[in-house]
Amino acid sequence: MKVKMEVFSGDPPCPGCVAILALADEFAKKYKGKLEVIKLIGQDAIAKFEEYKLGCVPAVVINEKIRIEGICPSRTTLENALREGGL
């Protein structure tokens, strides 16, 4: 089963959002076939943003559980969140 990582960003993206989107791309390549990355950006993502009751971006939801909100995590922190999420 693939792990699903949803990455929320503002539009235009803040520096933290730019960084988390780049990390998402990096991890998508690193875990190709094991990780599904979905980028949810700006107003197009508002329904999902509200569904998860997020308060701010950047944010990462892994397998429908909020793991990171309001900061861009380090690679290690994101990797740990993915492992906790089943990767």
Protein backbone atom coordinates (compact mmCIF):
# COMPACT_ATOMS: atom_id res chain seq x y z
CA MET A 1 0.00 0.00 0.00
CA LYS A 2 1.27 3.45 -0.93
CA VAL A 3 1.62 6.12 1.69
CA LYS A 4 -0.32 9.26 0.74
CA MET A 5 1.27 12.62 1.53
CA GLU A 6 -0.81 15.74 0.94
CA VAL A 7 1.21 18.96 0.92
CA PHE A 8 -0.63 22.26 1.42
CA SER A 9 0.81 25.56 0.17
CA GLY A 10 -0.37 29.12 -0.20
CA ASP A 11 -0.59 30.88 -3.55
CA PRO A 12 1.62 32.79 -3.94
CA PRO A 13 3.76 30.49 -1.82
CA CYS A 14 5.67 31.80 1.17
CA PRO A 15 9.33 30.75 1.54
CA GLY A 16 8.27 27.86 3.80
CA CYS A 17 5.78 26.67 1.20
CA VAL A 18 8.39 26.84 -1.57
CA ALA A 19 10.74 24.76 0.58
CA ILE A 20 8.14 22.14 1.52
CA LEU A 21 7.05 21.73 -2.11
CA ALA A 22 10.70 21.11 -3.05
CA LEU A 23 11.02 18.56 -0.23
CA ALA A 24 7.85 16.86 -1.47
CA ASP A 25 9.38 16.52 -4.95
CA GLU A 26 12.59 15.15 -3.44
CA PHE A 27 10.75 12.53 -1.39
CA ALA A 28 8.47 11.60 -4.32
CA LYS A 29 11.60 10.67 -6.30
CA LYS A 30 13.29 8.96 -3.35
CA TYR A 31 10.26 6.77 -2.59
CA LYS A 32 8.90 6.31 -6.10
CA GLY A 33 6.25 3.61 -6.11
CA LYS A 34 5.86 3.74 -2.31
CA LEU A 35 4.76 7.35 -1.81
CA GLU A 36 1.93 9.25 -3.47
CA VAL A 37 2.46 13.03 -3.23
CA ILE A 38 -0.50 15.32 -3.75
CA LYS A 39 0.15 19.08 -3.84
CA LEU A 40 -2.76 21.24 -2.75
CA ILE A 41 -2.09 24.89 -3.54
CA GLY A 42 -4.03 28.06 -2.83
CA GLN A 43 -7.78 28.47 -3.27
CA ASP A 44 -8.03 25.24 -5.28
CA ALA A 45 -7.24 23.38 -2.05
CA ILE A 46 -9.59 25.23 0.31
CA ALA A 47 -12.13 22.39 0.59
CA LYS A 48 -9.46 19.89 1.70
CA PHE A 49 -7.85 22.54 3.91
CA GLU A 50 -11.16 23.02 5.72
CA GLU A 51 -11.90 19.28 5.79
CA TYR A 52 -8.72 18.69 7.79
CA LYS A 53 -9.41 21.84 9.87
CA LEU A 54 -5.95 23.19 9.13
CA GLY A 55 -5.09 26.62 10.49
CA CYS A 56 -2.15 27.63 8.31
CA VAL A 57 0.28 26.59 5.61
CA PRO A 58 2.64 25.02 4.91
CA ALA A 59 1.13 21.77 6.10
CA VAL A 60 1.61 18.05 5.50
CA VAL A 61 -1.06 15.42 5.97
CA ILE A 62 0.08 11.79 5.79
CA ASN A 63 -2.56 9.10 5.35
CA GLU A 64 -5.22 11.60 6.43
CA LYS A 65 -3.44 12.58 9.67
CA ILE A 66 -2.02 16.07 10.15
CA ARG A 67 1.72 15.67 10.74
CA ILE A 68 3.14 19.16 10.11
CA GLU A 69 1.50 22.57 10.18
CA GLY A 70 2.83 26.12 10.02
CA ILE A 71 6.49 25.33 9.33
CA CYS A 72 8.68 23.73 6.73
CA PRO A 73 10.20 20.68 8.42
CA SER A 74 13.74 19.47 8.06
CA ARG A 75 14.34 16.44 5.84
CA THR A 76 14.78 14.32 8.96
CA THR A 77 11.51 15.49 10.50
CA LEU A 78 9.59 14.82 7.29
CA GLU A 79 11.26 11.42 6.93
CA ASN A 80 10.25 10.55 10.51
CA ALA A 81 6.67 11.67 9.86
CA LEU A 82 6.56 9.43 6.77
CA ARG A 83 7.87 6.47 8.75
CA GLU A 84 5.27 7.08 11.45
CA GLY A 85 2.71 7.19 8.63
CA GLY A 86 3.69 3.74 7.40
CA LEU A 87 6.46 4.24 4.86
